[in-house]
């Protein structure tokens, strides 16, 4: 049996420099400013082995606390503009769409799964769901996980 991980919040100034550099390398990769791990580690001045050793163990605090991700499931009629209308509701409400997965329509209805970052919503999750349900062509819209 393995022990559950134990977490600490530590000021970056008190941490060994290697942890800060690993985070910097991860950011270069995530932002596309470095194409490979080798390039990212060279730019921040650490070895690849140090990067791989710590990459899953260190991340900025704001990444761990950044918002709330909710997954929605929808059943939509196979008509132009329905998904676009839903995406507009999210945009107007402050939701940030992270992923969209849509099946091929069967019997003129497609299953769509949306994942969204919802910490900046200017309305309740219930109100967001209600607004989407009112879009013509939405057969069903519900929170799947989050």
C-alpha atoms as a PDB file:
ATOM      1  CA  UNK A   1       0.000   0.000   0.000  1.00  0.00           C
ATOM      2  CA  UNK A   2       1.304   3.422  -0.877  1.00  0.00           C
ATOM      3  CA  UNK A   3       0.843   6.420   1.332  1.00  0.00           C
ATOM      4  CA  UNK A   4      -1.387   9.275   0.188  1.00  0.00           C
ATOM      5  CA  UNK A   5       0.628  12.297  -0.921  1.00  0.00           C
ATOM      6  CA  UNK A   6       1.162  15.042   1.632  1.00  0.00           C
ATOM      7  CA  UNK A   7       1.026  18.637   0.380  1.00  0.00           C
ATOM      8  CA  UNK A   8       2.566  21.856   1.690  1.00  0.00           C
ATOM      9  CA  UNK A   9       2.196  25.469   0.661  1.00  0.00           C
ATOM     10  CA  UNK A  10       5.645  26.986   0.674  1.00  0.00           C
ATOM     11  CA  UNK A  11       6.782  30.447  -0.368  1.00  0.00           C
ATOM     12  CA  UNK A  12       8.847  30.079  -3.552  1.00  0.00           C
ATOM     13  CA  UNK A  13      11.721  31.953  -1.891  1.00  0.00           C
ATOM     14  CA  UNK A  14      12.042  29.143   0.680  1.00  0.00           C
ATOM     15  CA  UNK A  15      12.062  26.351  -1.918  1.00  0.00           C
ATOM     16  CA  UNK A  16      15.135  24.927  -3.580  1.00  0.00           C
ATOM     17  CA  UNK A  17      15.715  26.683  -6.894  1.00  0.00           C
ATOM     18  CA  UNK A  18      15.266  23.427  -8.828  1.00  0.00           C
ATOM     19  CA  UNK A  19      11.527  23.378  -8.073  1.00  0.00           C
ATOM     20  CA  UNK A  20      11.046  26.902  -9.402  1.00  0.00           C
ATOM     21  CA  UNK A  21      12.985  26.034 -12.543  1.00  0.00           C
ATOM     22  CA  UNK A  22      10.935  22.883 -13.133  1.00  0.00           C
ATOM     23  CA  UNK A  23       7.772  25.002 -12.989  1.00  0.00           C
ATOM     24  CA  UNK A  24       9.328  27.491 -15.412  1.00  0.00           C
ATOM     25  CA  UNK A  25      10.182  24.665 -17.832  1.00  0.00           C
ATOM     26  CA  UNK A  26       6.630  23.279 -17.599  1.00  0.00           C
ATOM     27  CA  UNK A  27       5.239  26.735 -18.374  1.00  0.00           C
ATOM     28  CA  UNK A  28       7.501  27.077 -21.429  1.00  0.00           C
ATOM     29  CA  UNK A  29       6.182  23.756 -22.727  1.00  0.00           C
ATOM     30  CA  UNK A  30       2.530  24.511 -21.934  1.00  0.00           C
ATOM     31  CA  UNK A  31       2.673  27.904 -23.633  1.00  0.00           C
ATOM     32  CA  UNK A  32       4.456  26.508 -26.688  1.00  0.00           C
ATOM     33  CA  UNK A  33       7.501  28.690 -26.070  1.00  0.00           C
ATOM     34  CA  UNK A  34       9.648  25.557 -26.029  1.00  0.00           C
ATOM     35  CA  UNK A  35       9.013  22.694 -28.429  1.00  0.00           C
ATOM     36  CA  UNK A  36      10.727  19.950 -26.440  1.00  0.00           C
ATOM     37  CA  UNK A  37      11.636  19.099 -22.861  1.00  0.00           C
ATOM     38  CA  UNK A  38      15.282  19.373 -23.866  1.00  0.00           C
ATOM     39  CA  UNK A  39      14.791  22.937 -25.118  1.00  0.00           C
ATOM     40  CA  UNK A  40      12.771  23.967 -22.046  1.00  0.00           C
ATOM     41  CA  UNK A  41      15.282  22.542 -19.580  1.00  0.00           C
ATOM     42  CA  UNK A  42      18.215  24.148 -21.385  1.00  0.00           C
ATOM     43  CA  UNK A  43      16.481  27.540 -21.297  1.00  0.00           C
ATOM     44  CA  UNK A  44      15.866  27.397 -17.540  1.00  0.00           C
ATOM     45  CA  UNK A  45      19.222  25.813 -16.746  1.00  0.00           C
ATOM     46  CA  UNK A  46      18.317  22.380 -15.382  1.00  0.00           C
ATOM     47  CA  UNK A  47      18.908  18.805 -16.497  1.00  0.00           C
ATOM     48  CA  UNK A  48      16.223  16.736 -18.166  1.00  0.00           C
ATOM     49  CA  UNK A  49      16.554  14.141 -15.419  1.00  0.00           C
ATOM     50  CA  UNK A  50      15.771  16.782 -12.758  1.00  0.00           C
ATOM     51  CA  UNK A  51      12.765  17.896 -14.803  1.00  0.00           C
ATOM     52  CA  UNK A  52      11.410  14.356 -15.084  1.00  0.00           C
ATOM     53  CA  UNK A  53      12.124  13.661 -11.417  1.00  0.00           C
ATOM     54  CA  UNK A  54      10.035  16.614 -10.170  1.00  0.00           C
ATOM     55  CA  UNK A  55       7.615  17.514 -12.992  1.00  0.00           C
ATOM     56  CA  UNK A  56       4.633  15.718 -11.437  1.00  0.00           C
ATOM     57  CA  UNK A  57       5.450  16.840  -7.910  1.00  0.00           C
ATOM     58  CA  UNK A  58       5.568  20.612  -8.200  1.00  0.00           C
ATOM     59  CA  UNK A  59       3.135  23.140  -9.618  1.00  0.00           C
ATOM     60  CA  UNK A  60       2.190  26.726  -8.843  1.00  0.00           C
ATOM     61  CA  UNK A  61      -0.443  27.115  -6.130  1.00  0.00           C
ATOM     62  CA  UNK A  62      -2.715  29.109  -8.441  1.00  0.00           C
ATOM     63  CA  UNK A  63      -2.831  26.130 -10.847  1.00  0.00           C
ATOM     64  CA  UNK A  64      -4.223  23.892  -8.125  1.00  0.00           C
ATOM     65  CA  UNK A  65      -6.789  26.448  -7.024  1.00  0.00           C
ATOM     66  CA  UNK A  66      -7.694  27.870 -10.414  1.00  0.00           C
ATOM     67  CA  UNK A  67     -11.436  27.667 -10.721  1.00  0.00           C
ATOM     68  CA  UNK A  68     -13.763  24.784 -11.076  1.00  0.00           C
ATOM     69  CA  UNK A  69     -14.133  22.474 -14.039  1.00  0.00           C
ATOM     70  CA  UNK A  70     -17.592  21.142 -14.807  1.00  0.00           C
ATOM     71  CA  UNK A  71     -18.528  18.600 -17.472  1.00  0.00           C
ATOM     72  CA  UNK A  72     -21.910  18.923 -19.171  1.00  0.00           C
ATOM     73  CA  UNK A  73     -23.759  16.416 -21.343  1.00  0.00           C
ATOM     74  CA  UNK A  74     -26.177  17.545 -24.029  1.00  0.00           C
ATOM     75  CA  UNK A  75     -28.434  15.918 -26.540  1.00  0.00           C
ATOM     76  CA  UNK A  76     -28.840  18.280 -29.499  1.00  0.00           C
ATOM     77  CA  UNK A  77     -30.968  18.168 -32.642  1.00  0.00           C
ATOM     78  CA  UNK A  78     -28.918  17.934 -35.827  1.00  0.00           C
ATOM     79  CA  UNK A  79     -29.514  21.510 -37.003  1.00  0.00           C
ATOM     80  CA  UNK A  80     -27.046  24.295 -37.810  1.00  0.00           C
ATOM     81  CA  UNK A  81     -26.320  26.832 -35.068  1.00  0.00           C
ATOM     82  CA  UNK A  82     -27.514  24.982 -31.959  1.00  0.00           C
ATOM     83  CA  UNK A  83     -24.053  24.265 -30.560  1.00  0.00           C
ATOM     84  CA  UNK A  84     -22.969  27.783 -31.500  1.00  0.00           C
ATOM     85  CA  UNK A  85     -25.875  29.227 -29.491  1.00  0.00           C
ATOM     86  CA  UNK A  86     -24.833  27.182 -26.464  1.00  0.00           C
ATOM     87  CA  UNK A  87     -21.228  28.335 -26.765  1.00  0.00           C
ATOM     88  CA  UNK A  88     -22.437  31.956 -26.927  1.00  0.00           C
ATOM     89  CA  UNK A  89     -24.354  31.475 -23.668  1.00  0.00           C
ATOM     90  CA  UNK A  90     -21.185  30.187 -22.014  1.00  0.00           C
ATOM     91  CA  UNK A  91     -19.170  33.114 -23.369  1.00  0.00           C
ATOM     92  CA  UNK A  92     -21.719  35.696 -22.237  1.00  0.00           C
ATOM     93  CA  UNK A  93     -21.894  34.089 -18.784  1.00  0.00           C
ATOM     94  CA  UNK A  94     -18.124  34.001 -18.193  1.00  0.00           C
ATOM     95  CA  UNK A  95     -17.673  30.266 -18.749  1.00  0.00           C
ATOM     96  CA  UNK A  96     -14.525  29.104 -20.520  1.00  0.00           C
ATOM     97  CA  UNK A  97     -15.000  26.043 -22.738  1.00  0.00           C
ATOM     98  CA  UNK A  98     -12.078  23.636 -22.395  1.00  0.00           C
ATOM     99  CA  UNK A  99     -13.227  20.661 -24.480  1.00  0.00           C
ATOM    100  CA  UNK A 100     -16.037  19.737 -26.857  1.00  0.00           C
ATOM    101  CA  UNK A 101     -16.744  16.152 -27.913  1.00  0.00           C
ATOM    102  CA  UNK A 102     -19.596  15.479 -30.308  1.00  0.00           C
ATOM    103  CA  UNK A 103     -20.875  12.166 -31.630  1.00  0.00           C
ATOM    104  CA  UNK A 104     -22.210  11.591 -35.114  1.00  0.00           C
ATOM    105  CA  UNK A 105     -25.977  12.249 -35.006  1.00  0.00           C
ATOM    106  CA  UNK A 106     -28.242   9.228 -34.667  1.00  0.00           C
ATOM    107  CA  UNK A 107     -31.925   9.696 -35.472  1.00  0.00           C
ATOM    108  CA  UNK A 108     -31.153  13.421 -35.954  1.00  0.00           C
ATOM    109  CA  UNK A 109     -29.799  13.838 -32.406  1.00  0.00           C
ATOM    110  CA  UNK A 110     -26.127  14.162 -31.389  1.00  0.00           C
ATOM    111  CA  UNK A 111     -24.596  13.620 -27.969  1.00  0.00           C
ATOM    112  CA  UNK A 112     -22.245  16.455 -27.000  1.00  0.00           C
ATOM    113  CA  UNK A 113     -19.987  16.608 -23.961  1.00  0.00           C
ATOM    114  CA  UNK A 114     -18.596  20.002 -22.915  1.00  0.00           C
ATOM    115  CA  UNK A 115     -16.039  20.677 -20.203  1.00  0.00           C
ATOM    116  CA  UNK A 116     -15.838  24.238 -18.950  1.00  0.00           C
ATOM    117  CA  UNK A 117     -13.945  26.252 -16.361  1.00  0.00           C
ATOM    118  CA  UNK A 118     -16.720  27.932 -14.386  1.00  0.00           C
ATOM    119  CA  UNK A 119     -15.061  30.027 -11.672  1.00  0.00           C
ATOM    120  CA  UNK A 120     -15.786  33.278 -13.538  1.00  0.00           C
ATOM    121  CA  UNK A 121     -19.495  32.616 -14.137  1.00  0.00           C
ATOM    122  CA  UNK A 122     -21.617  35.702 -13.520  1.00  0.00           C
ATOM    123  CA  UNK A 123     -24.662  33.531 -12.793  1.00  0.00           C
ATOM    124  CA  UNK A 124     -25.358  30.284 -10.965  1.00  0.00           C
ATOM    125  CA  UNK A 125     -24.700  26.936 -12.557  1.00  0.00           C
ATOM    126  CA  UNK A 126     -28.420  26.222 -12.326  1.00  0.00           C
ATOM    127  CA  UNK A 127     -29.243  29.408 -14.258  1.00  0.00           C
ATOM    128  CA  UNK A 128     -26.645  28.542 -16.914  1.00  0.00           C
ATOM    129  CA  UNK A 129     -28.216  25.105 -17.377  1.00  0.00           C
ATOM    130  CA  UNK A 130     -31.678  26.665 -17.541  1.00  0.00           C
ATOM    131  CA  UNK A 131     -30.611  29.152 -20.235  1.00  0.00           C
ATOM    132  CA  UNK A 132     -29.067  26.411 -22.348  1.00  0.00           C
ATOM    133  CA  UNK A 133     -32.172  24.255 -21.977  1.00  0.00           C
ATOM    134  CA  UNK A 134     -34.216  27.101 -23.490  1.00  0.00           C
ATOM    135  CA  UNK A 135     -32.239  27.014 -26.774  1.00  0.00           C
ATOM    136  CA  UNK A 136     -34.403  25.606 -29.552  1.00  0.00           C
ATOM    137  CA  UNK A 137     -33.025  22.212 -30.535  1.00  0.00           C
ATOM    138  CA  UNK A 138     -31.639  21.300 -27.126  1.00  0.00           C
ATOM    139  CA  UNK A 139     -33.263  17.994 -26.195  1.00  0.00           C
ATOM    140  CA  UNK A 140     -31.416  17.631 -22.887  1.00  0.00           C
ATOM    141  CA  UNK A 141     -28.653  19.508 -21.055  1.00  0.00           C
ATOM    142  CA  UNK A 142     -27.291  18.449 -17.681  1.00  0.00           C
ATOM    143  CA  UNK A 143     -24.269  18.538 -15.414  1.00  0.00           C
ATOM    144  CA  UNK A 144     -22.386  15.277 -15.770  1.00  0.00           C
ATOM    145  CA  UNK A 145     -19.522  15.894 -13.336  1.00  0.00           C
ATOM    146  CA  UNK A 146     -17.887  18.688 -11.466  1.00  0.00           C
END
